[in-house]
Amino acid sequence: GERMLRTGRLDLDLSADRELLTAVAAGELPWTEAQAWVESL
């Protein structure tokens, strides 16, 4: 959503964040970091 608002394009490719998002899904990223990511977005 943030990318769409910024660029005006619908682009689903999140491969650049794959490692971090995989860590979030596995519960391997501290909640404080995940929370900060969400609030930043």
Full PDB file with SEQRES, HELIX, SHEET, SSBOND, CRYST1, ORIGX, SCALE, CONECT and MASTER records, all heavy atoms in Angstrom:
SEQRES   1 A   41  GLY GLU ARG MET LEU ARG THR GLY ARG LEU ASP LEU ASP          
SEQRES   2 A   41  LEU SER ALA ASP ARG GLU LEU LEU THR ALA VAL ALA ALA          
SEQRES   3 A   41  GLY GLU LEU PRO TRP THR GLU ALA GLN ALA TRP VAL GLU          
SEQRES   4 A   41  SER LEU                                                      
HELIX    1 AA1 GLU A    2  THR A    7  1                                   6    
HELIX    2 AA2 SER A   15  ASP A   17  5                                   3    
HELIX    3 AA3 ARG A   18  ALA A   25  1                                   8    
HELIX    4 AA4 TRP A   31  SER A   40  1                                  10    
CRYST1    1.000    1.000    1.000  90.00  90.00  90.00 P 1           1          
ORIGX1      1.000000  0.000000  0.000000        0.00000                         
ORIGX2      0.000000  1.000000  0.000000        0.00000                         
ORIGX3      0.000000  0.000000  1.000000        0.00000                         
SCALE1      1.000000  0.000000  0.000000        0.00000                         
SCALE2      0.000000  1.000000  0.000000        0.00000                         
SCALE3      0.000000  0.000000  1.000000        0.00000                         
ATOM      1  N   GLY A   1       0.809  -1.212   0.000  1.00  0.00           N  
ATOM      2  CA  GLY A   1       0.000   0.000   0.000  1.00  0.00           C  
ATOM      3  C   GLY A   1       0.843   1.263   0.000  1.00  0.00           C  
ATOM      4  O   GLY A   1       0.565   2.209  -0.748  1.00  0.00           O  
ATOM      5  N   GLU A   2       1.866   1.294   0.835  1.00  0.00           N  
ATOM      6  CA  GLU A   2       2.737   2.478   0.903  1.00  0.00           C  
ATOM      7  C   GLU A   2       3.437   2.702  -0.422  1.00  0.00           C  
ATOM      8  O   GLU A   2       3.549   3.843  -0.909  1.00  0.00           O  
ATOM      9  CB  GLU A   2       3.757   2.283   2.029  1.00  0.00           C  
ATOM     10  CG  GLU A   2       4.625   3.505   2.315  1.00  0.00           C  
ATOM     11  CD  GLU A   2       5.861   3.582   1.423  1.00  0.00           C  
ATOM     12  OE1 GLU A   2       6.298   2.522   0.904  1.00  0.00           O  
ATOM     13  OE2 GLU A   2       6.400   4.700   1.249  1.00  0.00           O  
ATOM     14  N   ARG A   3       3.891   1.636  -1.049  1.00  0.00           N  
ATOM     15  CA  ARG A   3       4.575   1.751  -2.343  1.00  0.00           C  
ATOM     16  C   ARG A   3       3.618   2.273  -3.414  1.00  0.00           C  
ATOM     17  O   ARG A   3       3.992   3.090  -4.253  1.00  0.00           O  
ATOM     18  CB  ARG A   3       5.146   0.391  -2.751  1.00  0.00           C  
ATOM     19  CG  ARG A   3       5.882   0.403  -4.089  1.00  0.00           C  
ATOM     20  CD  ARG A   3       6.238  -1.007  -4.514  1.00  0.00           C  
ATOM     21  NE  ARG A   3       7.191  -1.615  -3.600  1.00  0.00           N  
ATOM     22  CZ  ARG A   3       7.486  -2.917  -3.585  1.00  0.00           C  
ATOM     23  NH1 ARG A   3       6.865  -3.742  -4.410  1.00  0.00           N  
ATOM     24  NH2 ARG A   3       8.374  -3.400  -2.752  1.00  0.00           N  
ATOM     25  N   MET A   4       2.375   1.782  -3.375  1.00  0.00           N  
ATOM     26  CA  MET A   4       1.381   2.236  -4.345  1.00  0.00           C  
ATOM     27  C   MET A   4       1.139   3.739  -4.207  1.00  0.00           C  
ATOM     28  O   MET A   4       1.064   4.470  -5.204  1.00  0.00           O  
ATOM     29  CB  MET A   4       0.075   1.462  -4.136  1.00  0.00           C  
ATOM     30  CG  MET A   4      -0.643   1.112  -5.426  1.00  0.00           C  
ATOM     31  SD  MET A   4      -2.222   0.249  -5.148  1.00  0.00           S  
ATOM     32  CE  MET A   4      -1.798  -0.930  -3.873  1.00  0.00           C  
ATOM     33  N   LEU A   5       0.997   4.199  -2.981  1.00  0.00           N  
ATOM     34  CA  LEU A   5       0.763   5.617  -2.738  1.00  0.00           C  
ATOM     35  C   LEU A   5       1.955   6.468  -3.166  1.00  0.00           C  
ATOM     36  O   LEU A   5       1.789   7.572  -3.685  1.00  0.00           O  
ATOM     37  CB  LEU A   5       0.478   5.854  -1.254  1.00  0.00           C  
ATOM     38  CG  LEU A   5      -0.858   5.311  -0.736  1.00  0.00           C  
ATOM     39  CD1 LEU A   5      -0.852   5.250   0.783  1.00  0.00           C  
ATOM     40  CD2 LEU A   5      -2.005   6.181  -1.233  1.00  0.00           C  
ATOM     41  N   ARG A   6       3.131   5.917  -2.984  1.00  0.00           N  
ATOM     42  CA  ARG A   6       4.345   6.685  -3.289  1.00  0.00           C  
ATOM     43  C   ARG A   6       4.658   6.715  -4.777  1.00  0.00           C  
ATOM     44  O   ARG A   6       5.102   7.735  -5.312  1.00  0.00           O  
ATOM     45  CB  ARG A   6       5.510   6.087  -2.494  1.00  0.00           C  
ATOM     46  CG  ARG A   6       6.854   6.762  -2.723  1.00  0.00           C  
ATOM     47  CD  ARG A   6       7.878   6.311  -1.685  1.00  0.00           C  
ATOM     48  NE  ARG A   6       7.800   4.894  -1.396  1.00  0.00           N  
ATOM     49  CZ  ARG A   6       8.395   3.939  -2.123  1.00  0.00           C  
ATOM     50  NH1 ARG A   6       9.072   4.270  -3.221  1.00  0.00           N  
ATOM     51  NH2 ARG A   6       8.320   2.669  -1.777  1.00  0.00           N  
ATOM     52  N   THR A   7       4.437   5.587  -5.455  1.00  0.00           N  
ATOM     53  CA  THR A   7       4.842   5.484  -6.863  1.00  0.00           C  
ATOM     54  C   THR A   7       3.681   5.591  -7.843  1.00  0.00           C  
ATOM     55  O   THR A   7       3.897   5.850  -9.027  1.00  0.00           O  
ATOM     56  CB  THR A   7       5.551   4.146  -7.118  1.00  0.00           C  
ATOM     57  OG1 THR A   7       4.604   3.069  -6.971  1.00  0.00           O  
ATOM     58  CG2 THR A   7       6.708   3.946  -6.138  1.00  0.00           C  
ATOM     59  N   GLY A   8       2.459   5.334  -7.354  1.00  0.00           N  
ATOM     60  CA  GLY A   8       1.311   5.321  -8.246  1.00  0.00           C  
ATOM     61  C   GLY A   8       1.151   4.026  -9.007  1.00  0.00           C  
ATOM     62  O   GLY A   8       0.316   3.917  -9.907  1.00  0.00           O  
ATOM     63  N   ARG A   9       1.930   3.000  -8.652  1.00  0.00           N  
ATOM     64  CA  ARG A   9       1.888   1.717  -9.362  1.00  0.00           C  
ATOM     65  C   ARG A   9       1.552   0.576  -8.394  1.00  0.00           C  
ATOM     66  O   ARG A   9       1.945   0.613  -7.228  1.00  0.00           O  
ATOM     67  CB  ARG A   9       3.228   1.422 -10.039  1.00  0.00           C  
ATOM     68  CG  ARG A   9       3.593   2.388 -11.146  1.00  0.00           C  
ATOM     69  CD  ARG A   9       4.905   2.016 -11.811  1.00  0.00           C  
ATOM     70  NE  ARG A   9       6.028   2.116 -10.874  1.00  0.00           N  
ATOM     71  CZ  ARG A   9       6.650   1.078 -10.343  1.00  0.00           C  
ATOM     72  NH1 ARG A   9       6.249  -0.167 -10.612  1.00  0.00           N  
ATOM     73  NH2 ARG A   9       7.676   1.257  -9.520  1.00  0.00           N  
ATOM     74  N   LEU A  10       0.868  -0.432  -8.933  1.00  0.00           N  
ATOM     75  CA  LEU A  10       0.567  -1.643  -8.163  1.00  0.00           C  
ATOM     76  C   LEU A  10       1.676  -2.648  -8.411  1.00  0.00           C  
ATOM     77  O   LEU A  10       1.784  -3.222  -9.487  1.00  0.00           O  
ATOM     78  CB  LEU A  10      -0.785  -2.217  -8.605  1.00  0.00           C  
ATOM     79  CG  LEU A  10      -1.211  -3.554  -7.979  1.00  0.00           C  
ATOM     80  CD1 LEU A  10      -1.233  -3.468  -6.462  1.00  0.00           C  
ATOM     81  CD2 LEU A  10      -2.573  -3.966  -8.518  1.00  0.00           C  
ATOM     82  N   ASP A  11       2.532  -2.828  -7.415  1.00  0.00           N  
ATOM     83  CA  ASP A  11       3.696  -3.707  -7.542  1.00  0.00           C  
ATOM     84  C   ASP A  11       3.748  -4.600  -6.304  1.00  0.00           C  
ATOM     85  O   ASP A  11       3.966  -4.123  -5.191  1.00  0.00           O  
ATOM     86  CB  ASP A  11       4.961  -2.863  -7.659  1.00  0.00           C  
ATOM     87  CG  ASP A  11       6.224  -3.708  -7.769  1.00  0.00           C  
ATOM     88  OD1 ASP A  11       6.114  -4.950  -7.881  1.00  0.00           O  
ATOM     89  OD2 ASP A  11       7.327  -3.125  -7.726  1.00  0.00           O  
ATOM     90  N   LEU A  12       3.558  -5.905  -6.498  1.00  0.00           N  
ATOM     91  CA  LEU A  12       3.518  -6.841  -5.373  1.00  0.00           C  
ATOM     92  C   LEU A  12       4.883  -7.404  -4.995  1.00  0.00           C  
ATOM     93  O   LEU A  12       5.002  -8.097  -3.985  1.00  0.00           O  
ATOM     94  CB  LEU A  12       2.586  -8.016  -5.700  1.00  0.00           C  
ATOM     95  CG  LEU A  12       1.127  -7.711  -6.043  1.00  0.00           C  
ATOM     96  CD1 LEU A  12       0.341  -9.016  -6.140  1.00  0.00           C  
ATOM     97  CD2 LEU A  12       0.488  -6.780  -5.028  1.00  0.00           C  
ATOM     98  N   ASP A  13       5.913  -7.152  -5.777  1.00  0.00           N  
ATOM     99  CA  ASP A  13       7.208  -7.791  -5.562  1.00  0.00           C  
ATOM    100  C   ASP A  13       7.857  -7.320  -4.257  1.00  0.00           C  
ATOM    101  O   ASP A  13       8.292  -6.176  -4.128  1.00  0.00           O  
ATOM    102  CB  ASP A  13       8.135  -7.478  -6.742  1.00  0.00           C  
ATOM    103  CG  ASP A  13       9.472  -8.206  -6.632  1.00  0.00           C  
ATOM    104  OD1 ASP A  13       9.610  -9.086  -5.742  1.00  0.00           O  
ATOM    105  OD2 ASP A  13      10.386  -7.897  -7.420  1.00  0.00           O  
ATOM    106  N   LEU A  14       7.932  -8.234  -3.293  1.00  0.00           N  
ATOM    107  CA  LEU A  14       8.562  -7.938  -2.002  1.00  0.00           C  
ATOM    108  C   LEU A  14       9.791  -8.819  -1.776  1.00  0.00           C  
ATOM    109  O   LEU A  14      10.199  -9.037  -0.640  1.00  0.00           O  
ATOM    110  CB  LEU A  14       7.558  -8.154  -0.865  1.00  0.00           C  
ATOM    111  CG  LEU A  14       6.295  -7.284  -0.890  1.00  0.00           C  
ATOM    112  CD1 LEU A  14       5.416  -7.608   0.306  1.00  0.00           C  
ATOM    113  CD2 LEU A  14       6.645  -5.807  -0.904  1.00  0.00           C  
ATOM    114  N   SER A  15      10.357  -9.300  -2.862  1.00  0.00           N  
ATOM    115  CA  SER A  15      11.498 -10.219  -2.736  1.00  0.00           C  
ATOM    116  C   SER A  15      12.675  -9.579  -2.004  1.00  0.00           C  
ATOM    117  O   SER A  15      13.453 -10.280  -1.344  1.00  0.00           O  
ATOM    118  CB  SER A  15      11.940 -10.713  -4.118  1.00  0.00           C  
ATOM    119  OG  SER A  15      12.232  -9.622  -4.985  1.00  0.00           O  
ATOM    120  N   ALA A  16      12.801  -8.261  -2.086  1.00  0.00           N  
ATOM    121  CA  ALA A  16      13.902  -7.592  -1.392  1.00  0.00           C  
ATOM    122  C   ALA A  16      13.766  -7.713   0.124  1.00  0.00           C  
ATOM    123  O   ALA A  16      14.766  -7.650   0.852  1.00  0.00           O  
ATOM    124  CB  ALA A  16      13.948  -6.116  -1.800  1.00  0.00           C  
ATOM    125  N   ASP A  17      12.550  -7.892   0.610  1.00  0.00           N  
ATOM    126  CA  ASP A  17      12.300  -8.020   2.055  1.00  0.00           C  
ATOM    127  C   ASP A  17      12.032  -9.469   2.460  1.00  0.00           C  
ATOM    128  O   ASP A  17      11.565  -9.722   3.583  1.00  0.00           O  
ATOM    129  CB  ASP A  17      11.095  -7.164   2.472  1.00  0.00           C  
ATOM    130  CG  ASP A  17      11.368  -5.673   2.329  1.00  0.00           C  
ATOM    131  OD1 ASP A  17      12.487  -5.251   2.641  1.00  0.00           O  
ATOM    132  OD2 ASP A  17      10.445  -4.951   1.908  1.00  0.00           O  
ATOM    133  N   ARG A  18      12.320 -10.391   1.572  1.00  0.00           N  
ATOM    134  CA  ARG A  18      11.965 -11.790   1.819  1.00  0.00           C  
ATOM    135  C   ARG A  18      12.584 -12.323   3.112  1.00  0.00           C  
ATOM    136  O   ARG A  18      11.896 -12.957   3.917  1.00  0.00           O  
ATOM    137  CB  ARG A  18      12.406 -12.653   0.642  1.00  0.00           C  
ATOM    138  CG  ARG A  18      12.132 -14.138   0.830  1.00  0.00           C  
ATOM    139  CD  ARG A  18      12.454 -14.928  -0.426  1.00  0.00           C  
ATOM    140  NE  ARG A  18      12.288 -16.348  -0.223  1.00  0.00           N  
ATOM    141  CZ  ARG A  18      12.414 -17.269  -1.184  1.00  0.00           C  
ATOM    142  NH1 ARG A  18      12.705 -16.884  -2.424  1.00  0.00           N  
ATOM    143  NH2 ARG A  18      12.254 -18.551  -0.917  1.00  0.00           N  
ATOM    144  N   GLU A  19      13.839 -12.072   3.337  1.00  0.00           N  
ATOM    145  CA  GLU A  19      14.510 -12.627   4.520  1.00  0.00           C  
ATOM    146  C   GLU A  19      13.882 -12.097   5.805  1.00  0.00           C  
ATOM    147  O   GLU A  19      13.597 -12.867   6.737  1.00  0.00           O  
ATOM    148  CB  GLU A  19      16.000 -12.283   4.484  1.00  0.00           C  
ATOM    149  CG  GLU A  19      16.806 -12.931   5.602  1.00  0.00           C  
ATOM    150  CD  GLU A  19      18.293 -12.689   5.456  1.00  0.00           C  
ATOM    151  OE1 GLU A  19      18.739 -12.320   4.359  1.00  0.00           O  
ATOM    152  OE2 GLU A  19      19.010 -12.867   6.470  1.00  0.00           O  
ATOM    153  N   LEU A  20      13.629 -10.795   5.841  1.00  0.00           N  
ATOM    154  CA  LEU A  20      13.059 -10.210   7.051  1.00  0.00           C  
ATOM    155  C   LEU A  20      11.618 -10.661   7.268  1.00  0.00           C  
ATOM    156  O   LEU A  20      11.215 -10.967   8.396  1.00  0.00           O  
ATOM    157  CB  LEU A  20      13.121  -8.683   6.966  1.00  0.00           C  
ATOM    158  CG  LEU A  20      14.430  -8.023   7.402  1.00  0.00           C  
ATOM    159  CD1 LEU A  20      14.395  -6.538   7.132  1.00  0.00           C  
ATOM    160  CD2 LEU A  20      14.712  -8.300   8.885  1.00  0.00           C  
ATOM    161  N   LEU A  21      10.830 -10.708   6.197  1.00  0.00           N  
ATOM    162  CA  LEU A  21       9.436 -11.134   6.342  1.00  0.00           C  
ATOM    163  C   LEU A  21       9.345 -12.607   6.735  1.00  0.00           C  
ATOM    164  O   LEU A  21       8.455 -12.990   7.500  1.00  0.00           O  
ATOM    165  CB  LEU A  21       8.678 -10.888   5.035  1.00  0.00           C  
ATOM    166  CG  LEU A  21       8.285  -9.431   4.783  1.00  0.00           C  
ATOM    167  CD1 LEU A  21       7.785  -9.240   3.364  1.00  0.00           C  
ATOM    168  CD2 LEU A  21       7.220  -8.987   5.785  1.00  0.00           C  
ATOM    169  N   THR A  22      10.265 -13.405   6.244  1.00  0.00           N  
ATOM    170  CA  THR A  22      10.302 -14.812   6.650  1.00  0.00           C  
ATOM    171  C   THR A  22      10.623 -14.925   8.137  1.00  0.00           C  
ATOM    172  O   THR A  22      10.048 -15.755   8.858  1.00  0.00           O  
ATOM    173  CB  THR A  22      11.349 -15.583   5.826  1.00  0.00           C  
ATOM    174  OG1 THR A  22      11.001 -15.519   4.440  1.00  0.00           O  
ATOM    175  CG2 THR A  22      11.415 -17.042   6.259  1.00  0.00           C  
ATOM    176  N   ALA A  23      11.531 -14.074   8.595  1.00  0.00           N  
ATOM    177  CA  ALA A  23      11.885 -14.072  10.016  1.00  0.00           C  
ATOM    178  C   ALA A  23      10.688 -13.644  10.865  1.00  0.00           C  
ATOM    179  O   ALA A  23      10.437 -14.205  11.942  1.00  0.00           O  
ATOM    180  CB  ALA A  23      13.064 -13.137  10.260  1.00  0.00           C  
ATOM    181  N   VAL A  24       9.932 -12.662  10.401  1.00  0.00           N  
ATOM    182  CA  VAL A  24       8.737 -12.234  11.133  1.00  0.00           C  
ATOM    183  C   VAL A  24       7.734 -13.380  11.223  1.00  0.00           C  
ATOM    184  O   VAL A  24       7.201 -13.692  12.293  1.00  0.00           O  
ATOM    185  CB  VAL A  24       8.077 -11.010  10.460  1.00  0.00           C  
ATOM    186  CG1 VAL A  24       6.734 -10.710  11.126  1.00  0.00           C  
ATOM    187  CG2 VAL A  24       8.988  -9.797  10.541  1.00  0.00           C  
ATOM    188  N   ALA A  25       7.463 -14.023  10.090  1.00  0.00           N  
ATOM    189  CA  ALA A  25       6.489 -15.113  10.057  1.00  0.00           C  
ATOM    190  C   ALA A  25       6.897 -16.270  10.959  1.00  0.00           C  
ATOM    191  O   ALA A  25       6.039 -16.985  11.503  1.00  0.00           O  
ATOM    192  CB  ALA A  25       6.312 -15.606   8.628  1.00  0.00           C  
ATOM    193  N   ALA A  26       8.187 -16.458  11.125  1.00  0.00           N  
ATOM    194  CA  ALA A  26       8.694 -17.546  11.981  1.00  0.00           C  
ATOM    195  C   ALA A  26       8.825 -17.124  13.440  1.00  0.00           C  
ATOM    196  O   ALA A  26       9.216 -17.931  14.293  1.00  0.00           O  
ATOM    197  CB  ALA A  26      10.049 -18.023  11.455  1.00  0.00           C  
ATOM    198  N   GLY A  27       8.506 -15.866  13.741  1.00  0.00           N  
ATOM    199  CA  GLY A  27       8.629 -15.388  15.117  1.00  0.00           C  
ATOM    200  C   GLY A  27      10.059 -15.157  15.539  1.00  0.00           C  
ATOM    201  O   GLY A  27      10.370 -15.139  16.731  1.00  0.00           O  
ATOM    202  N   GLU A  28      10.932 -14.943  14.562  1.00  0.00           N  
ATOM    203  CA  GLU A  28      12.362 -14.791  14.854  1.00  0.00           C  
ATOM    204  C   GLU A  28      12.794 -13.335  14.964  1.00  0.00           C  
ATOM    205  O   GLU A  28      13.937 -13.060  15.335  1.00  0.00           O  
ATOM    206  CB  GLU A  28      13.186 -15.490  13.774  1.00  0.00           C  
ATOM    207  CG  GLU A  28      12.954 -16.996  13.721  1.00  0.00           C  
ATOM    208  CD  GLU A  28      13.610 -17.648  12.519  1.00  0.00           C  
ATOM    209  OE1 GLU A  28      14.168 -16.906  11.684  1.00  0.00           O  
ATOM    210  OE2 GLU A  28      13.557 -18.890  12.419  1.00  0.00           O  
ATOM    211  N   LEU A  29      11.906 -12.404  14.615  1.00  0.00           N  
ATOM    212  CA  LEU A  29      12.225 -10.989  14.750  1.00  0.00           C  
ATOM    213  C   LEU A  29      11.597 -10.480  16.048  1.00  0.00           C  
ATOM    214  O   LEU A  29      10.422 -10.745  16.300  1.00  0.00           O  
ATOM    215  CB  LEU A  29      11.676 -10.203  13.560  1.00  0.00           C  
ATOM    216  CG  LEU A  29      12.214  -8.785  13.363  1.00  0.00           C  
ATOM    217  CD1 LEU A  29      13.658  -8.838  12.870  1.00  0.00           C  
ATOM    218  CD2 LEU A  29      11.352  -8.016  12.366  1.00  0.00           C  
ATOM    219  N   PRO A  30      12.340  -9.770  16.884  1.00  0.00           N  
ATOM    220  CA  PRO A  30      11.762  -9.259  18.130  1.00  0.00           C  
ATOM    221  C   PRO A  30      10.509  -8.422  17.862  1.00  0.00           C  
ATOM    222  O   PRO A  30      10.435  -7.707  16.856  1.00  0.00           O  
ATOM    223  CB  PRO A  30      12.892  -8.398  18.712  1.00  0.00           C  
ATOM    224  CG  PRO A  30      14.140  -8.973  18.132  1.00  0.00           C  
ATOM    225  CD  PRO A  30      13.767  -9.419  16.745  1.00  0.00           C  
ATOM    226  N   TRP A  31       9.548  -8.534  18.761  1.00  0.00           N  
ATOM    227  CA  TRP A  31       8.303  -7.793  18.579  1.00  0.00           C  
ATOM    228  C   TRP A  31       8.547  -6.294  18.447  1.00  0.00           C  
ATOM    229  O   TRP A  31       7.886  -5.618  17.642  1.00  0.00           O  
ATOM    230  CB  TRP A  31       7.364  -8.056  19.746  1.00  0.00           C  
ATOM    231  CG  TRP A  31       6.196  -7.106  19.785  1.00  0.00           C  
ATOM    232  CD1 TRP A  31       5.961  -6.122  20.705  1.00  0.00           C  
ATOM    233  CD2 TRP A  31       5.125  -7.029  18.838  1.00  0.00           C  
ATOM    234  NE1 TRP A  31       4.819  -5.435  20.410  1.00  0.00           N  
ATOM    235  CE2 TRP A  31       4.273  -5.978  19.248  1.00  0.00           C  
ATOM    236  CE3 TRP A  31       4.803  -7.743  17.695  1.00  0.00           C  
ATOM    237  CZ2 TRP A  31       3.126  -5.618  18.562  1.00  0.00           C  
ATOM    238  CZ3 TRP A  31       3.656  -7.394  16.999  1.00  0.00           C  
ATOM    239  CH2 TRP A  31       2.834  -6.343  17.424  1.00  0.00           C  
ATOM    240  N   THR A  32       9.483  -5.755  19.209  1.00  0.00           N  
ATOM    241  CA  THR A  32       9.740  -4.317  19.136  1.00  0.00           C  
ATOM    242  C   THR A  32      10.160  -3.909  17.729  1.00  0.00           C  
ATOM    243  O   THR A  32       9.784  -2.817  17.257  1.00  0.00           O  
ATOM    244  CB  THR A  32      10.834  -3.903  20.132  1.00  0.00           C  
ATOM    245  OG1 THR A  32      12.003  -4.732  19.928  1.00  0.00           O  
ATOM    246  CG2 THR A  32      10.352  -4.073  21.570  1.00  0.00           C  
ATOM    247  N   GLU A  33      10.915  -4.765  17.039  1.00  0.00           N  
ATOM    248  CA  GLU A  33      11.342  -4.440  15.677  1.00  0.00           C  
ATOM    249  C   GLU A  33      10.185  -4.580  14.695  1.00  0.00           C  
ATOM    250  O   GLU A  33      10.029  -3.756  13.781  1.00  0.00           O  
ATOM    251  CB  GLU A  33      12.507  -5.344  15.262  1.00  0.00           C  
ATOM    252  CG  GLU A  33      13.788  -5.093  16.044  1.00  0.00           C  
ATOM    253  CD  GLU A  33      14.956  -5.910  15.528  1.00  0.00           C  
ATOM    254  OE1 GLU A  33      14.996  -6.177  14.305  1.00  0.00           O  
ATOM    255  OE2 GLU A  33      15.824  -6.288  16.339  1.00  0.00           O  
ATOM    256  N   ALA A  34       9.384  -5.621  14.864  1.00  0.00           N  
ATOM    257  CA  ALA A  34       8.224  -5.799  13.992  1.00  0.00           C  
ATOM    258  C   ALA A  34       7.246  -4.648  14.183  1.00  0.00           C  
ATOM    259  O   ALA A  34       6.683  -4.102  13.217  1.00  0.00           O  
ATOM    260  CB  ALA A  34       7.537  -7.131  14.285  1.00  0.00           C  
ATOM    261  N   GLN A  35       7.034  -4.260  15.431  1.00  0.00           N  
ATOM    262  CA  GLN A  35       6.127  -3.161  15.740  1.00  0.00           C  
ATOM    263  C   GLN A  35       6.630  -1.850  15.131  1.00  0.00           C  
ATOM    264  O   GLN A  35       5.843  -1.075  14.546  1.00  0.00           O  
ATOM    265  CB  GLN A  35       6.002  -3.014  17.256  1.00  0.00           C  
ATOM    266  CG  GLN A  35       4.983  -1.981  17.701  1.00  0.00           C  
ATOM    267  CD  GLN A  35       4.877  -1.909  19.211  1.00  0.00           C  
ATOM    268  OE1 GLN A  35       5.879  -2.015  19.930  1.00  0.00           O  
ATOM    269  NE2 GLN A  35       3.663  -1.749  19.721  1.00  0.00           N  
ATOM    270  N   ALA A  36       7.924  -1.617  15.247  1.00  0.00           N  
ATOM    271  CA  ALA A  36       8.499  -0.399  14.676  1.00  0.00           C  
ATOM    272  C   ALA A  36       8.339  -0.386  13.157  1.00  0.00           C  
ATOM    273  O   ALA A  36       8.097   0.674  12.550  1.00  0.00           O  
ATOM    274  CB  ALA A  36       9.976  -0.294  15.056  1.00  0.00           C  
ATOM    275  N   TRP A  37       8.453  -1.558  12.535  1.00  0.00           N  
ATOM    276  CA  TRP A  37       8.296  -1.678  11.083  1.00  0.00           C  
ATOM    277  C   TRP A  37       6.867  -1.297  10.675  1.00  0.00           C  
ATOM    278  O   TRP A  37       6.664  -0.521   9.740  1.00  0.00           O  
ATOM    279  CB  TRP A  37       8.622  -3.105  10.670  1.00  0.00           C  
ATOM    280  CG  TRP A  37       8.844  -3.326   9.193  1.00  0.00           C  
ATOM    281  CD1 TRP A  37       8.625  -2.435   8.183  1.00  0.00           C  
ATOM    282  CD2 TRP A  37       9.319  -4.526   8.585  1.00  0.00           C  
ATOM    283  NE1 TRP A  37       8.934  -3.011   6.968  1.00  0.00           N  
ATOM    284  CE2 TRP A  37       9.365  -4.284   7.180  1.00  0.00           C  
ATOM    285  CE3 TRP A  37       9.703  -5.775   9.078  1.00  0.00           C  
ATOM    286  CZ2 TRP A  37       9.786  -5.264   6.277  1.00  0.00           C  
ATOM    287  CZ3 TRP A  37      10.124  -6.745   8.180  1.00  0.00           C  
ATOM    288  CH2 TRP A  37      10.165  -6.491   6.796  1.00  0.00           C  
ATOM    289  N   VAL A  38       5.905  -1.848  11.408  1.00  0.00           N  
ATOM    290  CA  VAL A  38       4.504  -1.549  11.103  1.00  0.00           C  
ATOM    291  C   VAL A  38       4.218  -0.062  11.287  1.00  0.00           C  
ATOM    292  O   VAL A  38       3.597   0.580  10.420  1.00  0.00           O  
ATOM    293  CB  VAL A  38       3.561  -2.375  12.003  1.00  0.00           C  
ATOM    294  CG1 VAL A  38       2.113  -1.910  11.836  1.00  0.00           C  
ATOM    295  CG2 VAL A  38       3.676  -3.853  11.673  1.00  0.00           C  
ATOM    296  N   GLU A  39       4.652   0.513  12.396  1.00  0.00           N  
ATOM    297  CA  GLU A  39       4.375   1.921  12.666  1.00  0.00           C  
ATOM    298  C   GLU A  39       5.051   2.825  11.640  1.00  0.00           C  
ATOM    299  O   GLU A  39       4.494   3.849  11.223  1.00  0.00           O  
ATOM    300  CB  GLU A  39       4.819   2.293  14.078  1.00  0.00           C  
ATOM    301  CG  GLU A  39       4.007   1.621  15.177  1.00  0.00           C  
ATOM    302  CD  GLU A  39       2.522   1.985  15.123  1.00  0.00           C  
ATOM    303  OE1 GLU A  39       2.178   3.049  14.556  1.00  0.00           O  
ATOM    304  OE2 GLU A  39       1.706   1.205  15.643  1.00  0.00           O  
ATOM    305  N   SER A  40       6.244   2.437  11.209  1.00  0.00           N  
ATOM    306  CA  SER A  40       6.934   3.214  10.182  1.00  0.00           C  
ATOM    307  C   SER A  40       6.159   3.198   8.875  1.00  0.00           C  
ATOM    308  O   SER A  40       6.010   4.237   8.209  1.00  0.00           O  
ATOM    309  CB  SER A  40       8.346   2.658   9.962  1.00  0.00           C  
ATOM    310  OG  SER A  40       8.983   3.312   8.881  1.00  0.00           O  
ATOM    311  N   LEU A  41       5.652   2.034   8.500  1.00  0.00           N  
ATOM    312  CA  LEU A  41       4.869   1.925   7.272  1.00  0.00           C  
ATOM    313  C   LEU A  41       3.582   2.744   7.367  1.00  0.00           C  
ATOM    314  O   LEU A  41       3.170   3.391   6.398  1.00  0.00           O  
ATOM    315  CB  LEU A  41       4.531   0.459   6.993  1.00  0.00           C  
ATOM    316  CG  LEU A  41       5.691  -0.400   6.474  1.00  0.00           C  
ATOM    317  CD1 LEU A  41       5.317  -1.880   6.515  1.00  0.00           C  
ATOM    318  CD2 LEU A  41       6.051  -0.005   5.038  1.00  0.00           C  
TER     319      LEU A  41                                                      
MASTER        0    0    0    4    0    0    0    6  318    1    0    4          
END                                                                             
